[in-house]
C-alpha atoms as a PDB file:
ATOM      1  CA  MET A   1      23.959  89.259 117.339  1.00  0.00           C
ATOM      2  CA  ALA A   2      27.740  89.642 117.137  1.00  0.00           C
ATOM      3  CA  LYS A   3      30.341  87.817 115.096  1.00  0.00           C
ATOM      4  CA  VAL A   4      32.425  85.899 117.634  1.00  0.00           C
ATOM      5  CA  ALA A   5      35.468  83.623 117.646  1.00  0.00           C
ATOM      6  CA  PHE A   6      36.400  81.255 120.472  1.00  0.00           C
ATOM      7  CA  ILE A   7      39.943  79.889 120.705  1.00  0.00           C
ATOM      8  CA  GLY A   8      40.495  76.829 122.921  1.00  0.00           C
ATOM      9  CA  LEU A   9      37.897  74.113 123.471  1.00  0.00           C
ATOM     10  CA  GLY A  10      38.963  72.382 126.668  1.00  0.00           C
ATOM     11  CA  VAL A  11      36.595  71.340 129.447  1.00  0.00           C
ATOM     12  CA  MET A  12      35.818  75.030 130.020  1.00  0.00           C
ATOM     13  CA  GLY A  13      36.005  76.508 126.548  1.00  0.00           C
ATOM     14  CA  PHE A  14      33.845  73.909 124.797  1.00  0.00           C
ATOM     15  CA  PRO A  15      30.665  74.680 126.800  1.00  0.00           C
ATOM     16  CA  MET A  16      31.451  78.404 127.089  1.00  0.00           C
ATOM     17  CA  ALA A  17      31.598  78.699 123.300  1.00  0.00           C
ATOM     18  CA  GLY A  18      28.377  76.708 123.175  1.00  0.00           C
ATOM     19  CA  HIS A  19      26.589  79.212 125.412  1.00  0.00           C
ATOM     20  CA  LEU A  20      27.753  82.080 123.203  1.00  0.00           C
ATOM     21  CA  LYS A  21      26.056  80.316 120.286  1.00  0.00           C
ATOM     22  CA  THR A  22      22.881  78.997 121.941  1.00  0.00           C
ATOM     23  CA  LYS A  23      22.160  81.412 124.774  1.00  0.00           C
ATOM     24  CA  GLY A  24      23.845  84.489 123.319  1.00  0.00           C
ATOM     25  CA  GLY A  25      22.595  83.837 119.788  1.00  0.00           C
ATOM     26  CA  HIS A  26      25.924  84.886 118.274  1.00  0.00           C
ATOM     27  CA  ASP A  27      27.598  83.786 115.060  1.00  0.00           C
ATOM     28  CA  VAL A  28      30.457  81.707 116.498  1.00  0.00           C
ATOM     29  CA  THR A  29      33.568  80.295 114.830  1.00  0.00           C
ATOM     30  CA  VAL A  30      35.908  78.142 116.909  1.00  0.00           C
ATOM     31  CA  TYR A  31      39.522  77.027 116.781  1.00  0.00           C
ATOM     32  CA  ASN A  32      41.150  74.239 118.750  1.00  0.00           C
ATOM     33  CA  ARG A  33      44.656  72.822 118.524  1.00  0.00           C
ATOM     34  CA  THR A  34      43.059  69.391 118.061  1.00  0.00           C
ATOM     35  CA  SER A  35      40.917  69.923 114.986  1.00  0.00           C
ATOM     36  CA  GLU A  36      38.667  66.967 115.807  1.00  0.00           C
ATOM     37  CA  LYS A  37      37.455  68.783 118.919  1.00  0.00           C
ATOM     38  CA  ALA A  38      36.621  71.874 116.856  1.00  0.00           C
ATOM     39  CA  ALA A  39      34.736  69.748 114.343  1.00  0.00           C
ATOM     40  CA  ALA A  40      32.784  68.069 117.155  1.00  0.00           C
ATOM     41  CA  TRP A  41      31.852  71.477 118.597  1.00  0.00           C
ATOM     42  CA  ALA A  42      30.728  72.776 115.193  1.00  0.00           C
ATOM     43  CA  GLU A  43      28.543  69.728 114.686  1.00  0.00           C
ATOM     44  CA  LYS A  44      27.006  69.868 118.163  1.00  0.00           C
ATOM     45  CA  PHE A  45      26.221  73.578 118.105  1.00  0.00           C
ATOM     46  CA  SER A  46      25.676  74.126 114.373  1.00  0.00           C
ATOM     47  CA  GLY A  47      28.611  76.520 114.337  1.00  0.00           C
ATOM     48  CA  LYS A  48      31.807  76.851 112.319  1.00  0.00           C
ATOM     49  CA  SER A  49      35.440  75.962 112.843  1.00  0.00           C
ATOM     50  CA  ALA A  50      38.632  77.383 111.368  1.00  0.00           C
ATOM     51  CA  PRO A  51      42.102  75.877 110.831  1.00  0.00           C
ATOM     52  CA  THR A  52      44.024  78.680 112.600  1.00  0.00           C
ATOM     53  CA  PRO A  53      43.288  81.252 115.320  1.00  0.00           C
ATOM     54  CA  ALA A  54      43.806  84.077 112.822  1.00  0.00           C
ATOM     55  CA  GLU A  55      41.242  82.661 110.408  1.00  0.00           C
ATOM     56  CA  ALA A  56      38.735  82.121 113.214  1.00  0.00           C
ATOM     57  CA  ALA A  57      39.149  85.742 114.358  1.00  0.00           C
ATOM     58  CA  ASP A  58      38.997  87.351 110.921  1.00  0.00           C
ATOM     59  CA  GLY A  59      36.218  89.934 110.815  1.00  0.00           C
ATOM     60  CA  CYS A  60      34.954  89.153 114.319  1.00  0.00           C
ATOM     61  CA  ASP A  61      33.597  91.707 116.772  1.00  0.00           C
ATOM     62  CA  PHE A  62      34.694  89.710 119.830  1.00  0.00           C
ATOM     63  CA  VAL A  63      37.415  87.081 120.132  1.00  0.00           C
ATOM     64  CA  PHE A  64      37.538  84.840 123.215  1.00  0.00           C
ATOM     65  CA  VAL A  65      40.573  82.820 124.267  1.00  0.00           C
ATOM     66  CA  CYS A  66      40.664  80.041 126.875  1.00  0.00           C
ATOM     67  CA  VAL A  67      43.930  78.078 126.750  1.00  0.00           C
ATOM     68  CA  GLY A  68      46.416  76.545 129.175  1.00  0.00           C
ATOM     69  CA  ASN A  69      49.077  79.043 130.199  1.00  0.00           C
ATOM     70  CA  ASP A  70      51.046  82.188 129.299  1.00  0.00           C
ATOM     71  CA  ASP A  71      52.989  80.502 126.494  1.00  0.00           C
ATOM     72  CA  ASP A  72      49.849  79.034 124.912  1.00  0.00           C
ATOM     73  CA  LEU A  73      48.200  82.431 125.195  1.00  0.00           C
ATOM     74  CA  ARG A  74      51.046  84.239 123.468  1.00  0.00           C
ATOM     75  CA  GLN A  75      51.050  81.657 120.678  1.00  0.00           C
ATOM     76  CA  VAL A  76      47.340  81.964 119.829  1.00  0.00           C
ATOM     77  CA  THR A  77      47.280  85.760 120.133  1.00  0.00           C
ATOM     78  CA  SER A  78      50.651  87.147 119.025  1.00  0.00           C
ATOM     79  CA  GLY A  79      52.111  84.122 117.228  1.00  0.00           C
ATOM     80  CA  GLU A  80      52.497  83.601 113.487  1.00  0.00           C
ATOM     81  CA  ASN A  81      48.843  82.592 113.113  1.00  0.00           C
ATOM     82  CA  GLY A  82      47.586  84.425 116.190  1.00  0.00           C
ATOM     83  CA  VAL A  83      44.310  86.297 116.400  1.00  0.00           C
ATOM     84  CA  LEU A  84      45.968  89.728 116.486  1.00  0.00           C
ATOM     85  CA  LYS A  85      47.119  89.122 112.916  1.00  0.00           C
ATOM     86  CA  SER A  86      43.540  89.379 111.647  1.00  0.00           C
ATOM     87  CA  MET A  87      41.391  91.150 114.252  1.00  0.00           C
ATOM     88  CA  LYS A  88      39.764  94.296 112.927  1.00  0.00           C
ATOM     89  CA  ARG A  89      40.119  97.718 114.525  1.00  0.00           C
ATOM     90  CA  GLY A  90      37.605  98.326 117.293  1.00  0.00           C
ATOM     91  CA  SER A  91      37.092  94.634 118.019  1.00  0.00           C
ATOM     92  CA  VAL A  92      37.605  93.185 121.505  1.00  0.00           C
ATOM     93  CA  LEU A  93      39.944  90.400 122.595  1.00  0.00           C
ATOM     94  CA  ILE A  94      38.669  88.702 125.783  1.00  0.00           C
ATOM     95  CA  ASP A  95      41.025  86.310 127.535  1.00  0.00           C
ATOM     96  CA  ASN A  96      39.407  83.715 129.813  1.00  0.00           C
ATOM     97  CA  THR A  97      42.703  81.911 130.469  1.00  0.00           C
ATOM     98  CA  THR A  98      44.019  81.866 134.031  1.00  0.00           C
ATOM     99  CA  ALA A  99      47.400  83.446 133.339  1.00  0.00           C
ATOM    100  CA  SER A 100      49.811  85.985 134.814  1.00  0.00           C
ATOM    101  CA  ALA A 101      48.979  89.649 135.274  1.00  0.00           C
ATOM    102  CA  GLU A 102      52.192  90.338 133.365  1.00  0.00           C
ATOM    103  CA  VAL A 103      50.978  88.663 130.169  1.00  0.00           C
ATOM    104  CA  ALA A 104      47.601  90.402 130.523  1.00  0.00           C
ATOM    105  CA  ARG A 105      49.295  93.806 130.546  1.00  0.00           C
ATOM    106  CA  GLU A 106      51.519  92.720 127.654  1.00  0.00           C
ATOM    107  CA  LEU A 107      48.514  91.716 125.548  1.00  0.00           C
ATOM    108  CA  TYR A 108      46.658  94.901 126.457  1.00  0.00           C
ATOM    109  CA  GLU A 109      49.513  96.922 124.932  1.00  0.00           C
ATOM    110  CA  ALA A 110      49.907  94.601 121.931  1.00  0.00           C
ATOM    111  CA  ALA A 111      46.199  94.821 121.192  1.00  0.00           C
ATOM    112  CA  LYS A 112      46.147  98.616 121.530  1.00  0.00           C
ATOM    113  CA  ALA A 113      48.985  98.843 119.006  1.00  0.00           C
ATOM    114  CA  LYS A 114      46.705  97.041 116.528  1.00  0.00           C
ATOM    115  CA  GLY A 115      43.674  99.208 117.305  1.00  0.00           C
ATOM    116  CA  VAL A 116      42.064  96.332 119.218  1.00  0.00           C
ATOM    117  CA  ASP A 117      40.700  96.427 122.769  1.00  0.00           C
ATOM    118  CA  PHE A 118      41.589  93.842 125.430  1.00  0.00           C
ATOM    119  CA  ILE A 119      39.965  92.469 128.580  1.00  0.00           C
ATOM    120  CA  ASP A 120      41.596  89.877 130.842  1.00  0.00           C
ATOM    121  CA  ALA A 121      38.676  87.827 132.122  1.00  0.00           C
ATOM    122  CA  PRO A 122      39.637  84.666 134.035  1.00  0.00           C
ATOM    123  CA  VAL A 123      36.739  82.601 135.342  1.00  0.00           C
ATOM    124  CA  SER A 124      35.785  80.640 138.445  1.00  0.00           C
ATOM    125  CA  GLY A 125      33.141  77.953 138.815  1.00  0.00           C
ATOM    126  CA  GLY A 126      34.821  74.925 137.315  1.00  0.00           C
ATOM    127  CA  GLN A 127      33.584  72.567 134.634  1.00  0.00           C
ATOM    128  CA  ALA A 128      30.078  72.449 136.104  1.00  0.00           C
ATOM    129  CA  GLY A 129      29.892  76.253 136.095  1.00  0.00           C
ATOM    130  CA  ALA A 130      30.987  76.342 132.453  1.00  0.00           C
ATOM    131  CA  GLU A 131      28.499  73.675 131.412  1.00  0.00           C
ATOM    132  CA  ASN A 132      25.636  75.407 133.230  1.00  0.00           C
ATOM    133  CA  GLY A 133      26.626  78.899 132.090  1.00  0.00           C
ATOM    134  CA  VAL A 134      27.005  80.244 135.632  1.00  0.00           C
ATOM    135  CA  LEU A 135      30.669  81.203 135.833  1.00  0.00           C
ATOM    136  CA  THR A 136      32.062  84.104 137.824  1.00  0.00           C
ATOM    137  CA  VAL A 137      34.155  86.331 135.546  1.00  0.00           C
ATOM    138  CA  MET A 138      36.803  88.703 136.934  1.00  0.00           C
ATOM    139  CA  CYS A 139      37.788  91.385 134.439  1.00  0.00           C
ATOM    140  CA  GLY A 140      40.624  93.835 133.976  1.00  0.00           C
ATOM    141  CA  GLY A 141      40.674  96.604 131.389  1.00  0.00           C
ATOM    142  CA  ASP A 142      39.084  99.879 130.363  1.00  0.00           C
ATOM    143  CA  GLU A 143      35.575 100.588 131.653  1.00  0.00           C
ATOM    144  CA  ALA A 144      34.094 101.503 128.274  1.00  0.00           C
ATOM    145  CA  VAL A 145      35.426  98.290 126.745  1.00  0.00           C
ATOM    146  CA  PHE A 146      34.112  96.261 129.683  1.00  0.00           C
ATOM    147  CA  GLU A 147      30.626  97.723 129.224  1.00  0.00           C
ATOM    148  CA  LYS A 148      30.775  96.786 125.548  1.00  0.00           C
ATOM    149  CA  ALA A 149      31.922  93.218 126.268  1.00  0.00           C
ATOM    150  CA  LYS A 150      29.780  92.417 129.319  1.00  0.00           C
ATOM    151  CA  PRO A 151      26.509  91.658 127.465  1.00  0.00           C
ATOM    152  CA  VAL A 152      28.379  89.075 125.385  1.00  0.00           C
ATOM    153  CA  ILE A 153      30.229  87.550 128.372  1.00  0.00           C
ATOM    154  CA  ASP A 154      26.873  87.276 130.180  1.00  0.00           C
ATOM    155  CA  ALA A 155      26.012  84.286 127.967  1.00  0.00           C
ATOM    156  CA  TYR A 156      28.169  81.987 130.128  1.00  0.00           C
ATOM    157  CA  ALA A 157      28.236  83.883 133.435  1.00  0.00           C
ATOM    158  CA  ARG A 158      26.148  84.623 136.498  1.00  0.00           C
ATOM    159  CA  MET A 159      28.543  87.318 137.775  1.00  0.00           C
ATOM    160  CA  VAL A 160      30.777  89.597 135.725  1.00  0.00           C
ATOM    161  CA  GLY A 161      32.752  92.370 137.391  1.00  0.00           C
ATOM    162  CA  LEU A 162      35.394  94.917 136.397  1.00  0.00           C
ATOM    163  CA  MET A 163      38.195  94.804 138.990  1.00  0.00           C
ATOM    164  CA  GLY A 164      40.421  97.559 137.617  1.00  0.00           C
ATOM    165  CA  PRO A 165      42.911  98.157 134.787  1.00  0.00           C
ATOM    166  CA  ALA A 166      44.514  95.436 132.671  1.00  0.00           C
ATOM    167  CA  GLY A 167      45.852  92.609 134.829  1.00  0.00           C
ATOM    168  CA  SER A 168      43.339  93.191 137.621  1.00  0.00           C
ATOM    169  CA  GLY A 169      41.192  90.266 136.529  1.00  0.00           C
ATOM    170  CA  GLN A 170      44.166  87.930 136.796  1.00  0.00           C
ATOM    171  CA  LEU A 171      45.146  89.335 140.200  1.00  0.00           C
ATOM    172  CA  THR A 172      41.570  88.768 141.413  1.00  0.00           C
ATOM    173  CA  LYS A 173      41.676  85.172 140.157  1.00  0.00           C
ATOM    174  CA  MET A 174      44.886  84.718 142.150  1.00  0.00           C
ATOM    175  CA  MET A 175      43.054  85.793 145.302  1.00  0.00           C
ATOM    176  CA  ASN A 176      40.319  83.310 144.413  1.00  0.00           C
ATOM    177  CA  GLN A 177      42.835  80.456 144.167  1.00  0.00           C
ATOM    178  CA  ILE A 178      44.517  81.461 147.451  1.00  0.00           C
ATOM    179  CA  CYS A 179      41.154  81.188 149.201  1.00  0.00           C
ATOM    180  CA  ILE A 180      40.322  77.842 147.612  1.00  0.00           C
ATOM    181  CA  ALA A 181      43.697  76.320 148.523  1.00  0.00           C
ATOM    182  CA  GLY A 182      43.280  77.141 152.201  1.00  0.00           C
ATOM    183  CA  ILE A 183      39.634  76.076 152.349  1.00  0.00           C
ATOM    184  CA  VAL A 184      40.224  72.692 150.683  1.00  0.00           C
ATOM    185  CA  GLN A 185      43.163  71.910 152.964  1.00  0.00           C
ATOM    186  CA  GLY A 186      41.050  72.748 156.017  1.00  0.00           C
ATOM    187  CA  LEU A 187      38.195  70.583 154.743  1.00  0.00           C
ATOM    188  CA  ALA A 188      40.555  67.686 154.007  1.00  0.00           C
ATOM    189  CA  GLU A 189      41.971  67.816 157.517  1.00  0.00           C
ATOM    190  CA  ALA A 190      38.492  68.018 159.056  1.00  0.00           C
ATOM    191  CA  VAL A 191      37.210  65.004 157.116  1.00  0.00           C
ATOM    192  CA  HIS A 192      40.378  63.061 157.948  1.00  0.00           C
ATOM    193  CA  PHE A 193      40.057  63.958 161.631  1.00  0.00           C
ATOM    194  CA  GLY A 194      36.368  63.015 161.735  1.00  0.00           C
ATOM    195  CA  LYS A 195      36.943  59.640 160.103  1.00  0.00           C
ATOM    196  CA  ARG A 196      39.748  58.802 162.520  1.00  0.00           C
ATOM    197  CA  ALA A 197      37.489  59.827 165.406  1.00  0.00           C
ATOM    198  CA  GLY A 198      34.759  57.468 164.199  1.00  0.00           C
ATOM    199  CA  LEU A 199      32.234  60.187 163.413  1.00  0.00           C
ATOM    200  CA  ASP A 200      29.540  59.950 160.732  1.00  0.00           C
ATOM    201  CA  ILE A 201      30.891  62.481 158.244  1.00  0.00           C
ATOM    202  CA  GLU A 202      27.506  63.029 156.599  1.00  0.00           C
ATOM    203  CA  LYS A 203      25.845  63.836 159.905  1.00  0.00           C
ATOM    204  CA  VAL A 204      28.671  66.132 160.965  1.00  0.00           C
ATOM    205  CA  VAL A 205      28.717  68.066 157.689  1.00  0.00           C
ATOM    206  CA  ASP A 206      24.930  68.404 157.725  1.00  0.00           C
ATOM    207  CA  VAL A 207      25.335  70.334 160.977  1.00  0.00           C
ATOM    208  CA  ILE A 208      28.550  72.319 160.557  1.00  0.00           C
ATOM    209  CA  SER A 209      27.813  73.329 156.956  1.00  0.00           C
ATOM    210  CA  LYS A 210      24.968  75.468 158.300  1.00  0.00           C
ATOM    211  CA  GLY A 211      27.358  77.427 160.513  1.00  0.00           C
ATOM    212  CA  ALA A 212      30.521  79.487 160.120  1.00  0.00           C
ATOM    213  CA  ALA A 213      32.483  76.514 158.705  1.00  0.00           C
ATOM    214  CA  GLY A 214      30.208  76.189 155.690  1.00  0.00           C
ATOM    215  CA  SER A 215      31.616  76.684 152.192  1.00  0.00           C
ATOM    216  CA  TRP A 216      31.013  75.755 148.560  1.00  0.00           C
ATOM    217  CA  GLN A 217      33.743  73.162 148.859  1.00  0.00           C
ATOM    218  CA  MET A 218      32.099  71.570 151.888  1.00  0.00           C
ATOM    219  CA  GLU A 219      28.672  71.454 150.247  1.00  0.00           C
ATOM    220  CA  ASN A 220      29.906  70.125 146.909  1.00  0.00           C
ATOM    221  CA  ARG A 221      32.937  67.982 147.711  1.00  0.00           C
ATOM    222  CA  HIS A 222      32.591  66.395 151.166  1.00  0.00           C
ATOM    223  CA  LYS A 223      30.650  63.349 149.911  1.00  0.00           C
ATOM    224  CA  THR A 224      33.099  62.445 147.181  1.00  0.00           C
ATOM    225  CA  MET A 225      36.055  63.131 149.470  1.00  0.00           C
ATOM    226  CA  ASN A 226      34.567  60.812 152.085  1.00  0.00           C
ATOM    227  CA  GLN A 227      34.236  58.143 149.379  1.00  0.00           C
ATOM    228  CA  GLY A 228      37.800  58.646 148.151  1.00  0.00           C
ATOM    229  CA  LYS A 229      36.597  59.733 144.709  1.00  0.00           C
ATOM    230  CA  TYR A 230      38.440  62.569 143.016  1.00  0.00           C
ATOM    231  CA  ASP A 231      37.066  62.875 139.489  1.00  0.00           C
ATOM    232  CA  PHE A 232      34.858  65.909 140.032  1.00  0.00           C
ATOM    233  CA  GLY A 233      36.347  69.128 138.814  1.00  0.00           C
ATOM    234  CA  PHE A 234      39.511  71.178 138.554  1.00  0.00           C
ATOM    235  CA  ALA A 235      42.632  69.016 138.194  1.00  0.00           C
ATOM    236  CA  VAL A 236      45.621  69.128 140.545  1.00  0.00           C
ATOM    237  CA  ASP A 237      47.986  69.874 137.635  1.00  0.00           C
ATOM    238  CA  TRP A 238      45.995  73.014 136.824  1.00  0.00           C
ATOM    239  CA  MET A 239      45.818  74.094 140.455  1.00  0.00           C
ATOM    240  CA  ARG A 240      49.588  73.811 140.759  1.00  0.00           C
ATOM    241  CA  LYS A 241      49.925  75.914 137.613  1.00  0.00           C
ATOM    242  CA  ASP A 242      47.670  78.551 139.147  1.00  0.00           C
ATOM    243  CA  LEU A 243      49.431  78.504 142.519  1.00  0.00           C
ATOM    244  CA  GLY A 244      52.756  78.873 140.725  1.00  0.00           C
ATOM    245  CA  ILE A 245      51.422  82.064 139.144  1.00  0.00           C
ATOM    246  CA  VAL A 246      50.208  83.240 142.562  1.00  0.00           C
ATOM    247  CA  LEU A 247      53.531  82.597 144.278  1.00  0.00           C
ATOM    248  CA  SER A 248      55.500  84.285 141.485  1.00  0.00           C
ATOM    249  CA  GLU A 249      53.288  87.369 141.744  1.00  0.00           C
ATOM    250  CA  ALA A 250      53.659  87.356 145.539  1.00  0.00           C
ATOM    251  CA  GLN A 251      57.431  87.287 145.177  1.00  0.00           C
ATOM    252  CA  ARG A 252      57.259  90.324 142.892  1.00  0.00           C
ATOM    253  CA  SER A 253      54.916  92.284 145.160  1.00  0.00           C
ATOM    254  CA  GLY A 254      56.416  91.232 148.496  1.00  0.00           C
ATOM    255  CA  ALA A 255      53.207  89.567 149.711  1.00  0.00           C
ATOM    256  CA  ARG A 256      53.699  86.774 152.248  1.00  0.00           C
ATOM    257  CA  LEU A 257      51.676  83.623 151.537  1.00  0.00           C
ATOM    258  CA  PRO A 258      52.909  80.885 153.907  1.00  0.00           C
ATOM    259  CA  LEU A 259      49.734  78.770 153.783  1.00  0.00           C
ATOM    260  CA  THR A 260      49.453  78.969 149.992  1.00  0.00           C
ATOM    261  CA  ALA A 261      53.087  77.916 149.600  1.00  0.00           C
ATOM    262  CA  LEU A 262      52.518  74.979 151.958  1.00  0.00           C
ATOM    263  CA  VAL A 263      49.363  73.793 150.198  1.00  0.00           C
ATOM    264  CA  ASP A 264      51.182  74.038 146.871  1.00  0.00           C
ATOM    265  CA  GLN A 265      53.729  71.579 148.280  1.00  0.00           C
ATOM    266  CA  PHE A 266      50.882  69.330 149.433  1.00  0.00           C
ATOM    267  CA  TYR A 267      49.520  69.271 145.887  1.00  0.00           C
ATOM    268  CA  GLY A 268      53.000  68.235 144.812  1.00  0.00           C
ATOM    269  CA  ASP A 269      52.627  65.256 147.165  1.00  0.00           C
ATOM    270  CA  VAL A 270      49.312  64.396 145.479  1.00  0.00           C
ATOM    271  CA  GLN A 271      51.032  64.476 142.086  1.00  0.00           C
ATOM    272  CA  ALA A 272      53.661  62.088 143.459  1.00  0.00           C
ATOM    273  CA  LEU A 273      50.806  59.723 144.357  1.00  0.00           C
ATOM    274  CA  GLY A 274      49.761  59.753 140.699  1.00  0.00           C
ATOM    275  CA  GLY A 275      46.961  62.247 141.257  1.00  0.00           C
ATOM    276  CA  ASN A 276      47.829  64.754 138.538  1.00  0.00           C
ATOM    277  CA  ARG A 277      44.322  64.579 137.085  1.00  0.00           C
ATOM    278  CA  TRP A 278      42.489  64.146 140.385  1.00  0.00           C
ATOM    279  CA  ASP A 279      40.396  67.128 141.438  1.00  0.00           C
ATOM    280  CA  THR A 280      41.633  69.599 144.035  1.00  0.00           C
ATOM    281  CA  SER A 281      39.765  67.913 146.902  1.00  0.00           C
ATOM    282  CA  SER A 282      42.329  65.090 146.662  1.00  0.00           C
ATOM    283  CA  LEU A 283      44.390  66.808 149.353  1.00  0.00           C
ATOM    284  CA  LEU A 284      42.628  64.266 151.587  1.00  0.00           C
ATOM    285  CA  ALA A 285      44.410  61.428 149.748  1.00  0.00           C
ATOM    286  CA  ARG A 286      47.845  62.510 151.008  1.00  0.00           C
ATOM    287  CA  LEU A 287      46.551  62.437 154.598  1.00  0.00           C
ATOM    288  CA  GLU A 288      45.178  58.942 154.180  1.00  0.00           C
ATOM    289  CA  LYS A 289      47.963  57.349 152.138  1.00  0.00           C
END
């Protein structure tokens, strides 16, 4: 059993921290910007909460962070009451936030200066994956540190892999989001086309999902898309945040991402329809408006 802190209890962090306590059997202290959420977690999982990130991380072997963006991440790690103020030498900071590769490398160096190790470890699998403890975790950092952290990360994951040095986990997550953007747009167009053609979408998907067109998105989202329901997973606002990170990185590296840039604009159209909190499959809504 390790002494663990978890910073950030959103739709992902709340169950992830829970798995560290129940499945991992660790001694977990949490922090959340909204203290009521931290208190609710502590009550549900018989854990502890702290009033600041630094107090949550004090004396811990592993500190997990899962917040909104680069600025949030810097605040809870390097800010006045950030975890790096109190983390002990030899402990490991594990960042599950989807953020830039730049901030991952920055935190790697900041942690090293404090005698702390760092792994960037963004996740894929959505809210359902977090709740069921079956996330895919893409890591960047030193191999020895990864081997030390992996048994703890395993509590909320079904796949954990080291992709390379610091920042590589975030770059891998960017590839993940590029793939999802293209797949969801293709699925939205197919469902839209099929409905206009008068086809039975359920019958069609039952057939084509068993062939080369099949995907996780098709299996898990076609029914709700066909019903015009978009309350099942990763929000459009968060996808646009992620695609913004992708496109900024592409500009730096010289990668050409015409489809990703186009789908990002399409998500902007969904936001204009009031779909900021709709899930990513709502690309269909802009075709049917």
